[in-house]
């Protein structure tokens, strides 16, 4: 497993933007597929976005596509989630997730991984609140 530390959550008005960051500590960042999930109170954890080890392939849930962008900074061992055109429905705790992939494979399973149990490491979460 790898240690993940999220930051960047907060309160923002509807229509605004926010950038979340997830620092990967202690392991080789380039060996991990990274993703963001979110969980609103009383709801199940929901897939948001995923990015490949190399960063050249991404996939988004329909609810955030064209509004959010996932990216990875290899030099900083960090994955970002740039969120724009935020809506009150985006209010949730956002979790960073990582899954180790064998060195000679882009991903050890069907792409894209979008289920919580596809990922073995999780951050503590960062709260995002969007006011109307």
Foldseek 3Di string as FASTA:
>chain_A
DWAKAKDWADEAAAQAKTKMKIATPDDQLLQKKKFKWWDAPPGDIFGAKIAWSVRPDMDGDPVQPPFWDWGDDNVRRMIMIIGGSDDQVPWTWMKMFIAGAPPVDRHDDDPDDTDPVNTDDMYPTGGHGYHD
